[in-house]
Amino acid sequence: MFLTAGLGVPALTGWVDPATAQESGASSDEDAHDHSHDDAAQTQQGVDGGRVKDDPEMIAKTLAEMPDDVRKEAEEIYAKFRSTHHELLASMLELRKIHIRYNNDIDRSREASKAFRVQQHKTWDLMQEQMENSVKVFRLLPSPEAASYMVTMVQHHFDNDIYDLATFEAAARLIDIGQNYRYLFLTAARAGIANGNFETARKVYESLEQDELEQVDLANKHFLDALEKQYKEEQERMEKIDRDSLPQVRLTTTRGDVLIELYPEEAPSTVAHFMKLVEDGFYDGLDFTQVVANMLAMSGDPAGDGRGNSGQFLIDEHTNENSHHVLRGSVVMAKIPMGEGRFIENSASSQIAIFFLPVAVASSHQTVFGRVIEGMDRVSAMRRRDPSKSDEKKIQLPPDAIISAEVVRKGPDLPEPNYVDMQAELEKAEAAGLIKLKKPKE
């Protein structure tokens, strides 16, 4: 299929046996990763392997045949790949030690809990760094170790809705060397859409049968032209914005830091309201009450049952000039749903939704007021919580949460938020036959 043809980077200079690359132990159609497993087990799964080793003679031979400038680049990235590998193993070992001590009641102090989380975040960062290293190595050298790591991490990213550029390239390159796991194809398509490579997404979806596609892929395929149009419009829009002046908010979460860039020009009232809530400490300690696979992560509900709000409701801004589309990482101020994809007008209050993938129809009824620019992998890794699919038989682990939120860049002066009378909006929706309000008992 040669999905890497449009990547703008050289093809693999050496040959990697697809059968060798598959020795990481990944399987083709396994169910999504069970998020009820403890975080330490997730972090350790399949990173080292130990079964696949590079051939030093083959590596040396390939390097010797390269032009000097390319050889220097290849040597540097390969050395980085090796050193990060050892650093990652050491970090995983330390994480395991802390976890064992906690599980065996040796040390369950607050300090031990904090040390575990710090080590967990460090290990996660090293895993993501090694993923990028593996892709860079695989561009230039015949490295089964890099291929093996890519196979494992692409599946991990597929299970956790992490569709960044490195994931896209890894999936595409593995397909091009003959890997035929279904999750590789679905990952290549989804990450292609998330990163603007719609030609690849079309190729992948055309190569798969209808019953091989999941619900999100069926929607992606149906709206592919609209998604491509929106992506291009969004890129053109962002090129005209002075991003160095945009407000920024940092969420410190149980998964790590998440940096959000806000759009005050296109959604001034929503941005002003959000920043006011952040400065008032409204989001501190609030759970991610919904984290739905292939869809979004949602927080900002103080009640924790989907009905919480700030007591103030915003005028919709999704019809403003140059309003933004929903891409991967886009942040919207969620409105009160009525079912069947409909929402009560002007009902956004405090609940924010961060999208894992673009959604073609979302910006037609929801205000996009920002986008995650750092830490989207942290958001994607949030523990799944889908209230519509709760299973009381499963052990329910605590949800991830926002530990604290802070404004790190204020940006331009903003107007006062434009609020509405929510009771009047509800009565208007009832008059239109959209909802039925409960009457107080006499």
Protein backbone atom coordinates (compact mmCIF):
# COMPACT_ATOMS: atom_id res chain seq x y z
CA MET A 1 0.00 0.00 0.00
CA PHE A 2 3.02 2.29 0.63
CA LEU A 3 1.33 4.65 3.04
CA THR A 4 4.66 6.32 3.80
CA ALA A 5 4.99 7.71 0.30
CA GLY A 6 3.58 11.09 1.29
CA LEU A 7 5.42 11.52 4.59
CA GLY A 8 8.23 13.65 3.20
CA VAL A 9 10.89 11.45 4.83
CA PRO A 10 13.10 8.77 3.27
CA ALA A 11 11.94 5.18 3.06
CA LEU A 12 13.66 2.54 5.14
CA THR A 13 17.17 1.98 3.80
CA GLY A 14 17.45 -1.57 5.13
CA TRP A 15 15.10 -4.53 5.21
CA VAL A 16 13.27 -5.61 8.36
CA ASP A 17 11.62 -9.00 8.38
CA PRO A 18 7.93 -8.44 9.22
CA ALA A 19 7.87 -11.74 11.08
CA THR A 20 10.72 -10.55 13.29
CA ALA A 21 8.99 -7.26 13.98
CA GLN A 22 5.88 -9.13 15.10
CA GLU A 23 7.71 -10.84 17.94
CA SER A 24 6.62 -8.11 20.34
CA GLY A 25 3.61 -10.26 21.19
CA ALA A 26 0.91 -7.86 19.96
CA SER A 27 -2.23 -9.52 18.58
CA SER A 28 -4.42 -8.45 15.73
CA ASP A 29 -7.94 -8.02 17.05
CA GLU A 30 -7.71 -7.87 20.81
CA ASP A 31 -10.29 -5.85 22.67
CA ALA A 32 -9.33 -2.37 23.80
CA HIS A 33 -6.99 -2.29 26.79
CA ASP A 34 -8.78 -2.96 30.08
CA HIS A 35 -8.37 0.28 32.01
CA SER A 36 -9.23 -1.46 35.24
CA HIS A 37 -5.66 -2.80 35.30
CA ASP A 38 -3.44 -0.85 37.63
CA ASP A 39 -1.34 1.91 36.11
CA ALA A 40 1.98 0.27 36.94
CA ALA A 41 1.05 -2.83 34.96
CA GLN A 42 -0.01 -0.67 32.02
CA THR A 43 3.31 1.16 32.08
CA GLN A 44 5.43 -1.98 32.11
CA GLN A 45 3.58 -3.94 29.44
CA GLY A 46 5.78 -5.09 26.57
CA VAL A 47 8.32 -2.25 26.56
CA ASP A 48 11.51 -4.29 26.75
CA GLY A 49 10.40 -7.63 25.32
CA GLY A 50 13.90 -9.06 25.25
CA ARG A 51 13.08 -11.39 22.35
CA VAL A 52 14.06 -9.07 19.50
CA LYS A 53 17.63 -7.89 19.06
CA ASP A 54 19.29 -5.77 16.39
CA ASP A 55 22.08 -7.24 14.27
CA PRO A 56 25.15 -5.03 14.99
CA GLU A 57 26.81 -6.11 11.73
CA MET A 58 23.76 -5.15 9.69
CA ILE A 59 23.52 -1.80 11.49
CA ALA A 60 27.24 -1.12 10.89
CA LYS A 61 27.00 -2.14 7.23
CA THR A 62 24.01 0.13 6.63
CA LEU A 63 25.76 3.05 8.34
CA ALA A 64 28.92 2.52 6.28
CA GLU A 65 26.93 2.76 3.05
CA MET A 66 25.34 6.10 3.98
CA PRO A 67 26.52 9.57 2.91
CA ASP A 68 28.45 11.30 5.67
CA ASP A 69 25.70 13.75 6.69
CA VAL A 70 23.02 11.04 6.81
CA ARG A 71 25.35 8.66 8.68
CA LYS A 72 25.96 11.26 11.38
CA GLU A 73 22.21 11.77 11.84
CA ALA A 74 21.58 8.01 11.94
CA GLU A 75 24.37 7.41 14.48
CA GLU A 76 23.05 10.16 16.75
CA ILE A 77 19.46 8.98 16.73
CA TYR A 78 20.48 5.33 17.16
CA ALA A 79 22.63 6.28 20.17
CA LYS A 80 19.66 8.21 21.56
CA PHE A 81 17.42 5.17 21.00
CA ARG A 82 19.83 2.92 22.92
CA SER A 83 20.33 5.31 25.84
CA THR A 84 16.59 6.02 26.21
CA HIS A 85 15.95 2.27 26.18
CA HIS A 86 18.16 1.80 29.25
CA GLU A 87 16.75 4.90 30.94
CA LEU A 88 13.22 3.61 30.38
CA LEU A 89 14.01 0.19 31.84
CA ALA A 90 15.53 1.81 34.94
CA SER A 91 12.50 4.06 35.34
CA MET A 92 10.14 1.10 35.01
CA LEU A 93 12.11 -0.84 37.61
CA GLU A 94 11.88 2.05 40.07
CA LEU A 95 8.15 2.35 39.42
CA ARG A 96 7.74 -1.36 40.08
CA LYS A 97 9.66 -1.12 43.37
CA ILE A 98 7.41 1.68 44.64
CA HIS A 99 4.32 -0.23 43.54
CA ILE A 100 5.40 -3.47 45.26
CA ARG A 101 6.16 -1.63 48.51
CA TYR A 102 2.72 -0.03 48.41
CA ASN A 103 0.86 -3.25 47.60
CA ASN A 104 2.64 -5.10 50.42
CA ASP A 105 1.87 -2.45 53.04
CA ILE A 106 5.54 -1.60 53.43
CA ASP A 107 5.04 2.07 52.60
CA ARG A 108 1.59 3.58 52.03
CA SER A 109 2.52 7.08 53.13
CA ARG A 110 1.45 10.25 51.32
CA GLU A 111 5.07 10.67 50.24
CA ALA A 112 5.09 7.18 48.70
CA SER A 113 1.90 7.91 46.80
CA LYS A 114 3.37 11.15 45.48
CA ALA A 115 6.63 9.39 44.53
CA PHE A 116 4.66 6.77 42.59
CA ARG A 117 2.81 9.40 40.59
CA VAL A 118 5.99 11.35 39.85
CA GLN A 119 7.73 8.15 38.70
CA GLN A 120 4.67 7.12 36.69
CA HIS A 121 4.69 10.43 34.82
CA LYS A 122 8.44 10.17 34.20
CA THR A 123 8.04 6.64 32.81
CA TRP A 124 5.15 7.71 30.59
CA ASP A 125 7.22 10.56 29.15
CA LEU A 126 10.10 8.20 28.43
CA MET A 127 7.74 5.77 26.68
CA GLN A 128 6.49 8.54 24.40
CA GLU A 129 10.03 9.79 23.77
CA GLN A 130 11.15 6.28 22.84
CA MET A 131 8.23 5.98 20.44
CA GLU A 132 9.51 9.04 18.56
CA ASN A 133 13.06 7.70 18.70
CA SER A 134 11.91 4.37 17.24
CA VAL A 135 10.20 6.05 14.31
CA LYS A 136 13.33 8.11 13.55
CA VAL A 137 15.55 5.03 13.75
CA PHE A 138 13.21 3.03 11.55
CA ARG A 139 13.39 5.66 8.81
CA LEU A 140 17.11 5.04 8.41
CA LEU A 141 18.20 1.70 9.84
CA PRO A 142 17.13 -1.98 9.70
CA SER A 143 16.26 -2.19 13.39
CA PRO A 144 13.94 -5.01 14.54
CA GLU A 145 14.11 -3.53 18.05
CA ALA A 146 12.67 -0.25 16.80
CA ALA A 147 10.03 -2.14 14.81
CA SER A 148 9.11 -4.24 17.83
CA TYR A 149 8.73 -1.19 20.04
CA MET A 150 6.61 0.53 17.39
CA VAL A 151 4.27 -2.48 17.13
CA THR A 152 3.75 -2.52 20.89
CA MET A 153 3.31 1.23 21.24
CA VAL A 154 0.97 1.63 18.27
CA GLN A 155 -1.34 -0.90 19.88
CA HIS A 156 -1.00 0.93 23.20
CA HIS A 157 -1.82 4.23 21.48
CA PHE A 158 -4.76 2.64 19.65
CA ASP A 159 -6.13 1.41 22.98
CA ASN A 160 -5.72 4.87 24.50
CA ASP A 161 -6.82 7.10 21.59
CA ILE A 162 -3.35 8.64 21.14
CA TYR A 163 -3.27 9.69 17.50
CA ASP A 164 -0.26 11.97 17.15
CA LEU A 165 2.07 12.30 14.17
CA ALA A 166 4.60 9.73 15.44
CA THR A 167 1.80 7.18 15.87
CA PHE A 168 0.61 7.84 12.33
CA GLU A 169 4.06 7.35 10.83
CA ALA A 170 4.76 4.23 12.91
CA ALA A 171 1.48 2.59 11.84
CA ALA A 172 2.03 3.52 8.19
CA ARG A 173 5.61 2.20 8.12
CA LEU A 174 4.63 -1.07 9.79
CA ILE A 175 1.87 -1.61 7.24
CA ASP A 176 4.33 -0.91 4.44
CA ILE A 177 6.68 -3.69 5.64
CA GLY A 178 3.83 -6.19 5.62
CA GLN A 179 2.27 -6.00 9.08
CA ASN A 180 -1.44 -6.76 8.74
CA TYR A 181 -2.87 -6.23 12.21
CA ARG A 182 -6.27 -4.58 11.98
CA TYR A 183 -5.41 -2.04 14.70
CA LEU A 184 -2.49 -0.78 12.57
CA PHE A 185 -4.85 0.07 9.72
CA LEU A 186 -7.41 1.72 11.98
CA THR A 187 -4.68 3.67 13.76
CA ALA A 188 -3.20 4.85 10.46
CA ALA A 189 -6.62 6.07 9.32
CA ARG A 190 -7.56 7.82 12.55
CA ALA A 191 -4.13 9.38 13.08
CA GLY A 192 -4.11 10.39 9.40
CA ILE A 193 -7.38 12.27 9.90
CA ALA A 194 -6.13 13.83 13.15
CA ASN A 195 -2.94 15.08 11.45
CA GLY A 196 -4.26 16.07 8.06
CA ASN A 197 -3.22 13.07 5.96
CA PHE A 198 -6.60 12.34 4.44
CA GLU A 199 -5.16 10.55 1.41
CA THR A 200 -3.85 7.83 3.72
CA ALA A 201 -7.16 7.62 5.57
CA ARG A 202 -9.00 7.10 2.28
CA LYS A 203 -6.59 4.38 1.19
CA VAL A 204 -6.95 2.56 4.49
CA TYR A 205 -10.73 2.73 4.65
CA GLU A 206 -11.01 1.59 1.03
CA SER A 207 -8.81 -1.41 1.79
CA LEU A 208 -10.97 -2.63 4.69
CA GLU A 209 -14.31 -4.38 4.61
CA GLN A 210 -17.29 -2.72 6.26
CA ASP A 211 -17.34 -5.22 9.13
CA GLU A 212 -13.67 -4.47 9.90
CA LEU A 213 -14.51 -0.86 10.76
CA GLU A 214 -15.57 0.27 14.21
CA GLN A 215 -18.35 2.78 14.78
CA VAL A 216 -15.98 5.75 14.86
CA ASP A 217 -14.40 4.62 11.58
CA LEU A 218 -17.77 4.32 9.88
CA ALA A 219 -18.48 7.92 10.92
CA ASN A 220 -15.01 9.05 9.82
CA LYS A 221 -15.45 7.41 6.43
CA HIS A 222 -18.90 8.95 5.94
CA PHE A 223 -17.76 12.48 6.87
CA LEU A 224 -14.24 12.27 5.39
CA ASP A 225 -14.71 15.06 2.84
CA ALA A 226 -16.24 17.36 5.49
CA LEU A 227 -13.45 16.54 7.94
CA GLU A 228 -10.81 17.35 5.34
CA LYS A 229 -12.49 20.66 4.49
CA GLN A 230 -12.71 21.60 8.18
CA TYR A 231 -9.10 20.64 8.83
CA LYS A 232 -7.87 22.85 5.97
CA GLU A 233 -10.06 25.75 7.08
CA GLU A 234 -8.76 25.41 10.63
CA GLN A 235 -5.12 25.38 9.49
CA GLU A 236 -5.69 28.51 7.39
CA ARG A 237 -7.44 30.20 10.31
CA MET A 238 -4.63 29.42 12.75
CA GLU A 239 -1.99 30.78 10.36
CA LYS A 240 -3.63 34.21 10.65
CA ILE A 241 -3.64 34.21 14.46
CA ASP A 242 -0.81 35.58 16.61
CA ARG A 243 -0.57 32.51 18.83
CA ASP A 244 2.07 34.10 21.06
CA SER A 245 -0.62 36.44 22.38
CA LEU A 246 -3.32 33.84 23.05
CA PRO A 247 -4.34 33.11 26.66
CA GLN A 248 -3.21 29.78 28.10
CA VAL A 249 -4.48 27.65 30.97
CA ARG A 250 -2.61 24.75 32.52
CA LEU A 251 -4.52 21.83 34.03
CA THR A 252 -2.48 19.81 36.51
CA THR A 253 -4.17 16.41 36.38
CA THR A 254 -3.66 12.99 37.91
CA ARG A 255 -2.10 12.03 34.55
CA GLY A 256 0.19 15.04 34.31
CA ASP A 257 0.09 18.59 32.93
CA VAL A 258 -2.19 19.66 30.10
CA LEU A 259 -1.71 23.06 28.42
CA ILE A 260 -4.72 24.64 26.70
CA GLU A 261 -4.54 27.52 24.22
CA LEU A 262 -7.68 29.71 24.17
CA TYR A 263 -9.43 31.62 21.35
CA PRO A 264 -10.61 34.99 22.73
CA GLU A 265 -11.23 36.59 19.33
CA GLU A 266 -13.68 33.94 18.16
CA ALA A 267 -15.28 33.03 21.53
CA PRO A 268 -14.67 36.03 23.84
CA SER A 269 -17.52 35.39 26.28
CA THR A 270 -16.73 31.70 26.70
CA VAL A 271 -13.01 32.35 27.17
CA ALA A 272 -13.66 35.13 29.71
CA HIS A 273 -16.04 32.88 31.66
CA PHE A 274 -13.64 29.91 31.61
CA MET A 275 -10.70 32.00 32.78
CA LYS A 276 -12.81 33.49 35.56
CA LEU A 277 -13.77 30.00 36.76
CA VAL A 278 -10.11 28.92 36.63
CA GLU A 279 -8.97 31.95 38.64
CA ASP A 280 -11.72 31.29 41.20
CA GLY A 281 -10.44 27.71 41.67
CA PHE A 282 -13.70 26.23 40.35
CA TYR A 283 -12.01 23.32 38.51
CA ASP A 284 -9.59 22.37 41.30
CA GLY A 285 -10.31 18.82 42.44
CA LEU A 286 -13.04 18.07 39.88
CA ASP A 287 -13.17 14.59 38.33
CA PHE A 288 -13.16 13.67 34.67
CA THR A 289 -16.69 12.34 34.96
CA GLN A 290 -16.85 11.10 31.37
CA VAL A 291 -13.97 9.67 29.35
CA VAL A 292 -15.47 7.94 26.34
CA ALA A 293 -13.27 5.89 23.99
CA ASN A 294 -12.86 7.37 20.49
CA MET A 295 -14.74 10.45 21.62
CA LEU A 296 -13.81 12.80 24.48
CA ALA A 297 -12.82 13.47 28.07
CA MET A 298 -15.12 15.72 30.12
CA SER A 299 -14.68 17.57 33.41
CA GLY A 300 -16.10 20.63 35.14
CA ASP A 301 -19.12 19.00 36.79
CA PRO A 302 -19.13 19.77 40.55
CA ALA A 303 -22.10 17.43 41.08
CA GLY A 304 -20.34 14.49 39.43
CA ASP A 305 -23.53 13.14 37.86
CA GLY A 306 -23.56 15.01 34.55
CA ARG A 307 -25.91 17.74 35.76
CA GLY A 308 -23.52 20.05 37.61
CA ASN A 309 -22.84 23.61 36.49
CA SER A 310 -21.44 26.93 37.67
CA GLY A 311 -24.85 28.56 38.13
CA GLN A 312 -24.26 30.77 35.09
CA PHE A 313 -25.04 29.97 31.47
CA LEU A 314 -23.44 31.39 28.33
CA ILE A 315 -24.77 32.75 25.08
CA ASP A 316 -23.75 30.35 22.29
CA GLU A 317 -20.79 31.52 20.21
CA HIS A 318 -20.49 28.71 17.67
CA THR A 319 -22.11 30.96 15.03
CA ASN A 320 -19.54 33.75 15.51
CA GLU A 321 -17.43 34.73 12.54
CA ASN A 322 -14.39 32.47 12.10
CA SER A 323 -15.61 30.09 14.82
CA HIS A 324 -13.37 27.05 15.15
CA HIS A 325 -13.96 23.45 14.09
CA VAL A 326 -13.48 20.41 16.34
CA LEU A 327 -10.09 18.78 15.74
CA ARG A 328 -8.13 16.40 17.94
CA GLY A 329 -7.54 18.24 21.22
CA SER A 330 -10.25 20.87 20.67
CA VAL A 331 -11.94 22.11 23.85
CA VAL A 332 -15.64 22.98 23.89
CA MET A 333 -17.94 24.28 26.62
CA ALA A 334 -20.49 21.48 26.75
CA LYS A 335 -24.24 22.20 26.57
CA ILE A 336 -27.19 20.35 28.09
CA PRO A 337 -28.06 17.42 25.79
CA MET A 338 -31.59 16.56 24.71
CA GLY A 339 -30.73 13.31 22.93
CA GLU A 340 -30.32 12.46 19.25
CA GLY A 341 -27.43 14.92 18.93
CA ARG A 342 -29.49 17.92 20.01
CA PHE A 343 -28.66 20.44 22.76
CA ILE A 344 -30.51 23.17 24.64
CA GLU A 345 -29.48 26.55 23.26
CA ASN A 346 -27.32 28.80 25.44
CA SER A 347 -26.90 26.11 28.10
CA ALA A 348 -23.09 25.92 28.32
CA SER A 349 -21.89 26.59 31.86
CA SER A 350 -18.75 24.90 33.23
CA GLN A 351 -18.38 21.41 31.80
CA ILE A 352 -15.56 21.22 29.27
CA ALA A 353 -15.05 18.46 26.71
CA ILE A 354 -11.68 17.67 25.12
CA PHE A 355 -12.00 15.67 21.90
CA PHE A 356 -9.78 12.71 21.04
CA LEU A 357 -10.63 12.89 17.31
CA PRO A 358 -12.20 15.42 14.93
CA VAL A 359 -16.01 15.39 14.83
CA ALA A 360 -17.52 16.98 11.73
CA VAL A 361 -20.88 18.00 13.22
CA ALA A 362 -19.77 19.14 16.70
CA SER A 363 -18.90 22.74 15.83
CA SER A 364 -22.34 23.32 14.32
CA HIS A 365 -23.89 23.34 17.81
CA GLN A 366 -21.02 23.63 20.35
CA THR A 367 -18.64 26.52 21.03
CA VAL A 368 -14.98 25.61 20.46
CA PHE A 369 -13.00 27.99 22.67
CA GLY A 370 -9.54 26.40 22.78
CA ARG A 371 -7.29 23.47 22.01
CA VAL A 372 -4.78 21.35 23.92
CA ILE A 373 -1.29 22.19 22.66
CA GLU A 374 0.72 20.12 25.17
CA GLY A 375 -0.20 16.95 27.04
CA MET A 376 -2.89 15.57 24.74
CA ASP A 377 -1.43 12.10 25.33
CA ARG A 378 -2.16 12.67 29.05
CA VAL A 379 -5.80 13.43 28.30
CA SER A 380 -6.10 10.41 26.02
CA ALA A 381 -4.74 8.14 28.74
CA MET A 382 -7.44 9.13 31.25
CA ARG A 383 -9.24 6.18 32.84
CA ARG A 384 -12.36 5.42 30.78
CA ARG A 385 -15.72 6.31 32.35
CA ASP A 386 -18.79 6.01 30.17
CA PRO A 387 -21.99 6.45 32.25
CA SER A 388 -24.07 4.98 29.43
CA LYS A 389 -22.13 1.69 29.67
CA SER A 390 -21.57 1.27 33.41
CA ASP A 391 -20.94 -2.27 34.59
CA GLU A 392 -21.58 -2.72 38.31
CA LYS A 393 -19.87 -6.13 38.24
CA LYS A 394 -16.52 -4.56 37.39
CA ILE A 395 -14.31 -2.96 40.00
CA GLN A 396 -14.78 0.79 39.63
CA LEU A 397 -11.46 2.55 40.14
CA PRO A 398 -11.44 6.25 41.02
CA PRO A 399 -11.69 8.59 38.03
CA ASP A 400 -8.84 10.80 36.94
CA ALA A 401 -9.18 14.40 38.06
CA ILE A 402 -8.00 17.97 37.70
CA ILE A 403 -5.75 18.60 40.69
CA SER A 404 -5.53 22.31 39.95
CA ALA A 405 -6.01 24.78 37.10
CA GLU A 406 -4.16 28.04 36.58
CA VAL A 407 -4.00 30.82 34.02
CA VAL A 408 -0.40 30.89 32.78
CA ARG A 409 -0.91 33.63 30.17
CA LYS A 410 -3.77 36.12 30.38
CA GLY A 411 -3.66 37.41 26.80
CA PRO A 412 -5.69 40.43 25.69
CA ASP A 413 -8.33 42.17 27.79
CA LEU A 414 -11.67 40.39 27.59
CA PRO A 415 -15.26 41.61 27.83
CA GLU A 416 -17.56 40.52 30.62
CA PRO A 417 -19.12 37.11 29.87
CA ASN A 418 -22.51 37.24 28.16
CA TYR A 419 -24.92 35.23 30.34
CA VAL A 420 -28.53 34.22 29.80
CA ASP A 421 -31.55 33.41 31.96
CA MET A 422 -31.41 29.62 31.90
CA GLN A 423 -34.96 29.20 33.15
CA ALA A 424 -36.20 31.27 30.22
CA GLU A 425 -34.13 29.10 27.84
CA LEU A 426 -35.64 25.93 29.29
CA GLU A 427 -39.16 27.32 28.95
CA LYS A 428 -38.39 28.31 25.35
CA ALA A 429 -37.19 24.75 24.62
CA GLU A 430 -40.36 23.36 26.18
CA ALA A 431 -42.54 25.71 24.11
CA ALA A 432 -40.78 24.43 20.99
CA GLY A 433 -41.62 20.86 21.99
CA LEU A 434 -37.97 19.92 22.51
CA ILE A 435 -38.18 19.06 26.21
CA LYS A 436 -40.77 18.63 28.95
CA LEU A 437 -40.09 20.34 32.25
CA LYS A 438 -41.08 18.75 35.54
CA LYS A 439 -43.76 20.73 37.32
CA PRO A 440 -43.38 21.30 41.10
CA LYS A 441 -45.85 19.40 43.23
CA GLU A 442 -48.59 21.55 44.65
